[in-house]
Structures are given as structure tokens and as C-alpha cells.
């Protein structure tokens, strides 16, 4: 599975736009988001499917991000971890 390339990121643009609105995240390069100076979320593509690797705790968790429902669930989980007081650096 490879990191999402420019064409894949174009298809993910509506989701990227929603992530950019999260003030606690910084997009260092297109589709690569950081939280508190540490990698937090990036995307992969596999054929027509998309996946997001998200650091909810110390390690990344891979979630499908292909369908509208999967993307909505991803945003819900991201917002939850950003607002629940989880330490930014896993401490």
C-alpha cells in the first residue's frame, strides 16, 4: 500500500478541507497533518480504496476512508481525540 499521491489527494480534497479547519492540526505537506509537532494523520491508497493512518495514542491506527460514511466516522474520531484531553505527545 502506497502513500496517497496527488491524484488520490485530489479525490480526498473535501476531507482534507475539513481537516484543515481543525485549528489543532497543521498540514505540513498536502495530506500530512501534525498535532503538536508530531505526525498525526496521513493517507494511503490501494487501488480505488483510501486509508488514513491516525495516531490516536502512541501508535498509528489504519482506518478505511473510501466511502462517505467512513470519512464521516474518521472525522468524528479525529475530533474526539482532539477534544478529549489526550496528550499530544502520548505522555
N, C-alpha and C. Protein backbone atom coordinates (compact mmCIF):
# COMPACT_ATOMS: atom_id res chain seq x y z
N UNK A 1 0.86 -1.17 0.00
CA UNK A 1 0.00 0.00 0.00
C UNK A 1 0.90 1.23 0.00
N UNK A 2 0.61 2.15 -0.89
CA UNK A 2 1.47 3.32 -1.02
C UNK A 2 0.80 4.56 -0.43
N UNK A 3 1.65 5.53 -0.11
CA UNK A 3 1.12 6.82 0.35
C UNK A 3 0.30 7.44 -0.78
N UNK A 4 -0.73 8.15 -0.41
CA UNK A 4 -1.61 8.76 -1.40
C UNK A 4 -0.84 9.79 -2.22
N UNK A 5 -0.93 9.65 -3.53
CA UNK A 5 -0.29 10.58 -4.46
C UNK A 5 -1.21 11.75 -4.77
N UNK A 6 -0.74 12.65 -5.64
CA UNK A 6 -1.52 13.86 -5.97
C UNK A 6 -2.93 13.58 -6.48
N UNK A 7 -3.08 12.58 -7.36
CA UNK A 7 -4.42 12.28 -7.89
C UNK A 7 -5.35 11.78 -6.79
N UNK A 8 -4.83 10.93 -5.92
CA UNK A 8 -5.64 10.42 -4.80
C UNK A 8 -6.01 11.57 -3.86
N UNK A 9 -5.06 12.44 -3.58
CA UNK A 9 -5.34 13.57 -2.69
C UNK A 9 -6.37 14.51 -3.32
N UNK A 10 -6.36 14.64 -4.64
CA UNK A 10 -7.40 15.43 -5.30
C UNK A 10 -8.77 14.85 -4.99
N UNK A 11 -8.88 13.54 -5.01
CA UNK A 11 -10.16 12.89 -4.74
C UNK A 11 -10.54 12.99 -3.26
N UNK A 12 -9.54 13.16 -2.40
CA UNK A 12 -9.79 13.30 -0.96
C UNK A 12 -9.94 14.77 -0.54
N UNK A 13 -9.88 15.69 -1.47
CA UNK A 13 -9.85 17.12 -1.15
C UNK A 13 -10.97 17.58 -0.23
N UNK A 14 -12.22 17.15 -0.41
CA UNK A 14 -13.26 17.59 0.54
C UNK A 14 -12.93 17.19 1.99
N UNK A 15 -12.39 16.01 2.17
CA UNK A 15 -11.99 15.56 3.51
C UNK A 15 -10.80 16.37 4.01
N UNK A 16 -9.84 16.63 3.13
CA UNK A 16 -8.68 17.43 3.52
C UNK A 16 -9.12 18.82 3.96
N UNK A 17 -10.08 19.40 3.25
CA UNK A 17 -10.59 20.72 3.61
C UNK A 17 -11.20 20.72 5.01
N UNK A 18 -11.90 19.66 5.35
CA UNK A 18 -12.49 19.56 6.70
C UNK A 18 -11.39 19.44 7.75
N UNK A 19 -10.36 18.66 7.45
CA UNK A 19 -9.25 18.52 8.40
C UNK A 19 -8.50 19.84 8.59
N UNK A 20 -8.36 20.60 7.51
CA UNK A 20 -7.66 21.89 7.60
C UNK A 20 -8.38 22.87 8.52
N UNK A 21 -9.67 22.70 8.70
CA UNK A 21 -10.45 23.58 9.58
C UNK A 21 -10.19 23.31 11.06
N UNK A 22 -9.57 22.19 11.37
CA UNK A 22 -9.25 21.85 12.76
C UNK A 22 -8.02 22.64 13.18
N UNK A 23 -8.22 23.62 14.04
CA UNK A 23 -7.12 24.52 14.43
C UNK A 23 -6.00 23.80 15.17
N UNK A 24 -6.28 22.64 15.72
CA UNK A 24 -5.25 21.90 16.47
C UNK A 24 -4.37 21.06 15.55
N UNK A 25 -4.66 21.08 14.25
CA UNK A 25 -3.86 20.33 13.29
C UNK A 25 -3.13 21.30 12.36
N UNK A 26 -1.95 20.88 11.94
CA UNK A 26 -1.19 21.66 10.97
C UNK A 26 -0.84 20.73 9.81
N UNK A 27 -1.15 21.17 8.61
CA UNK A 27 -0.84 20.39 7.42
C UNK A 27 0.56 20.79 6.95
N UNK A 28 1.53 19.92 7.22
CA UNK A 28 2.93 20.22 6.87
C UNK A 28 3.16 20.10 5.37
N UNK A 29 2.68 19.02 4.78
CA UNK A 29 2.64 18.85 3.34
C UNK A 29 1.24 18.35 3.01
N UNK A 30 0.84 18.48 1.77
CA UNK A 30 -0.55 18.14 1.43
C UNK A 30 -0.91 16.73 1.87
N UNK A 31 -1.94 16.65 2.72
CA UNK A 31 -2.45 15.36 3.19
C UNK A 31 -1.71 14.79 4.39
N UNK A 32 -0.72 15.50 4.91
CA UNK A 32 0.04 15.05 6.09
C UNK A 32 -0.16 16.06 7.21
N UNK A 33 -0.89 15.63 8.23
CA UNK A 33 -1.27 16.52 9.32
C UNK A 33 -0.49 16.19 10.58
N UNK A 34 -0.12 17.25 11.28
CA UNK A 34 0.64 17.13 12.53
C UNK A 34 -0.18 17.73 13.66
N UNK A 35 0.05 17.21 14.84
CA UNK A 35 -0.58 17.70 16.06
C UNK A 35 0.54 17.92 17.07
N UNK A 36 0.72 19.15 17.50
CA UNK A 36 1.74 19.46 18.49
C UNK A 36 3.14 19.09 18.02
N UNK A 37 3.43 19.26 16.74
CA UNK A 37 4.75 18.97 16.21
C UNK A 37 5.03 17.51 15.93
N UNK A 38 4.03 16.66 16.08
CA UNK A 38 4.20 15.21 15.86
C UNK A 38 3.22 14.73 14.79
N UNK A 39 3.70 13.86 13.92
CA UNK A 39 2.83 13.32 12.86
C UNK A 39 1.55 12.75 13.49
N UNK A 40 0.41 13.10 12.89
CA UNK A 40 -0.87 12.69 13.45
C UNK A 40 -1.72 11.91 12.45
N UNK A 41 -1.73 12.31 11.17
CA UNK A 41 -2.62 11.69 10.21
C UNK A 41 -2.05 11.84 8.80
N UNK A 42 -2.10 10.76 8.02
CA UNK A 42 -1.73 10.79 6.61
C UNK A 42 -2.54 9.71 5.89
N UNK A 43 -2.47 9.73 4.58
CA UNK A 43 -3.33 8.86 3.77
C UNK A 43 -2.53 7.90 2.90
N UNK A 44 -3.18 6.77 2.62
CA UNK A 44 -2.65 5.75 1.72
C UNK A 44 -3.72 5.45 0.67
N UNK A 45 -3.28 4.93 -0.45
CA UNK A 45 -4.21 4.48 -1.48
C UNK A 45 -3.86 3.06 -1.86
N UNK A 46 -4.91 2.31 -2.18
CA UNK A 46 -4.74 0.93 -2.64
C UNK A 46 -5.82 0.69 -3.67
N UNK A 47 -5.46 0.81 -4.94
CA UNK A 47 -6.48 0.73 -5.99
C UNK A 47 -7.43 1.90 -5.85
N UNK A 48 -8.70 1.60 -5.75
CA UNK A 48 -9.73 2.63 -5.60
C UNK A 48 -10.05 2.92 -4.13
N UNK A 49 -9.35 2.30 -3.22
CA UNK A 49 -9.63 2.48 -1.79
C UNK A 49 -8.63 3.43 -1.15
N UNK A 50 -9.11 4.14 -0.13
CA UNK A 50 -8.28 5.06 0.63
C UNK A 50 -8.26 4.63 2.09
N UNK A 51 -7.15 4.91 2.73
CA UNK A 51 -6.98 4.61 4.15
C UNK A 51 -6.30 5.79 4.81
N UNK A 52 -6.63 6.02 6.07
CA UNK A 52 -5.98 7.05 6.86
C UNK A 52 -5.24 6.37 8.00
N UNK A 53 -4.00 6.75 8.19
CA UNK A 53 -3.26 6.33 9.38
C UNK A 53 -3.34 7.48 10.36
N UNK A 54 -3.92 7.21 11.54
CA UNK A 54 -4.16 8.24 12.54
C UNK A 54 -3.51 7.82 13.84
N UNK A 55 -2.82 8.76 14.49
CA UNK A 55 -2.19 8.49 15.78
C UNK A 55 -3.18 8.89 16.87
N UNK A 56 -4.01 7.94 17.29
CA UNK A 56 -4.96 8.20 18.37
C UNK A 56 -4.28 8.13 19.73
N UNK A 57 -3.22 7.36 19.82
CA UNK A 57 -2.44 7.24 21.06
C UNK A 57 -0.97 7.26 20.64
N UNK A 58 -0.22 6.30 21.08
CA UNK A 58 1.21 6.27 20.76
C UNK A 58 1.46 5.77 19.34
N UNK A 59 0.68 4.79 18.89
CA UNK A 59 0.89 4.20 17.57
C UNK A 59 -0.21 4.62 16.60
N UNK A 60 0.08 4.50 15.32
CA UNK A 60 -0.92 4.79 14.29
C UNK A 60 -1.91 3.64 14.18
N UNK A 61 -3.15 4.01 13.85
CA UNK A 61 -4.22 3.06 13.56
C UNK A 61 -4.66 3.34 12.13
N UNK A 62 -4.82 2.29 11.34
CA UNK A 62 -5.25 2.45 9.96
C UNK A 62 -6.76 2.28 9.86
N UNK A 63 -7.41 3.29 9.26
CA UNK A 63 -8.86 3.28 9.07
C UNK A 63 -9.19 3.45 7.60
N UNK A 64 -10.20 2.74 7.14
CA UNK A 64 -10.67 2.96 5.76
C UNK A 64 -11.25 4.36 5.65
N UNK A 65 -11.02 4.99 4.51
CA UNK A 65 -11.54 6.34 4.26
C UNK A 65 -12.02 6.45 2.82
N UNK A 66 -12.70 5.43 2.36
CA UNK A 66 -13.14 5.37 0.97
C UNK A 66 -14.54 5.94 0.81
N UNK A 67 -15.47 5.50 1.63
CA UNK A 67 -16.87 5.93 1.49
C UNK A 67 -17.16 7.18 2.30
N UNK A 68 -18.27 7.79 1.98
CA UNK A 68 -18.70 8.97 2.72
C UNK A 68 -18.87 8.64 4.21
N UNK A 69 -19.46 7.49 4.51
CA UNK A 69 -19.68 7.08 5.90
C UNK A 69 -18.34 6.86 6.61
N UNK A 70 -17.38 6.25 5.93
CA UNK A 70 -16.06 6.03 6.54
C UNK A 70 -15.36 7.34 6.82
N UNK A 71 -15.50 8.29 5.92
CA UNK A 71 -14.87 9.61 6.12
C UNK A 71 -15.54 10.36 7.26
N UNK A 72 -16.86 10.24 7.38
CA UNK A 72 -17.57 10.89 8.49
C UNK A 72 -17.13 10.28 9.82
N UNK A 73 -16.98 8.95 9.85
CA UNK A 73 -16.51 8.29 11.07
C UNK A 73 -15.09 8.72 11.41
N UNK A 74 -14.25 8.84 10.40
CA UNK A 74 -12.87 9.30 10.62
C UNK A 74 -12.88 10.69 11.25
N UNK A 75 -13.66 11.61 10.70
CA UNK A 75 -13.72 12.97 11.26
C UNK A 75 -14.24 12.96 12.69
N UNK A 76 -15.24 12.15 12.95
CA UNK A 76 -15.79 12.05 14.31
C UNK A 76 -14.72 11.59 15.29
N UNK A 77 -13.96 10.57 14.91
CA UNK A 77 -12.92 10.04 15.78
C UNK A 77 -11.77 11.03 15.95
N UNK A 78 -11.41 11.73 14.88
CA UNK A 78 -10.35 12.73 14.97
C UNK A 78 -10.78 13.85 15.91
N UNK A 79 -11.98 14.35 15.74
CA UNK A 79 -12.45 15.44 16.61
C UNK A 79 -12.51 15.00 18.07
N UNK A 80 -12.91 13.75 18.29
CA UNK A 80 -12.98 13.25 19.67
C UNK A 80 -11.60 13.25 20.31
N UNK A 81 -10.60 12.75 19.62
CA UNK A 81 -9.26 12.69 20.22
C UNK A 81 -8.67 14.09 20.36
N UNK A 82 -9.04 15.02 19.50
CA UNK A 82 -8.52 16.38 19.62
C UNK A 82 -9.13 17.13 20.79
N UNK A 83 -10.33 16.73 21.21
CA UNK A 83 -11.01 17.48 22.27
C UNK A 83 -11.10 16.75 23.60
N UNK A 84 -10.66 15.49 23.67
CA UNK A 84 -10.86 14.72 24.90
C UNK A 84 -9.73 14.85 25.91
N UNK A 85 -8.74 15.70 25.61
CA UNK A 85 -7.65 15.87 26.55
C UNK A 85 -6.53 14.86 26.40
N UNK A 86 -6.57 14.05 25.34
CA UNK A 86 -5.48 13.10 25.10
C UNK A 86 -4.19 13.88 24.90
N UNK A 87 -3.13 13.52 25.60
CA UNK A 87 -1.87 14.24 25.43
C UNK A 87 -1.40 14.19 23.98
N UNK A 88 -0.84 15.30 23.53
CA UNK A 88 -0.39 15.39 22.15
C UNK A 88 0.81 14.52 21.88
N UNK A 89 1.61 14.27 22.86
CA UNK A 89 2.84 13.52 22.64
C UNK A 89 2.80 12.14 23.26
N UNK A 90 1.62 11.65 23.59
CA UNK A 90 1.48 10.30 24.13
C UNK A 90 2.01 10.15 25.54
N UNK A 91 2.22 11.27 26.23
CA UNK A 91 2.71 11.19 27.61
C UNK A 91 1.58 11.09 28.58
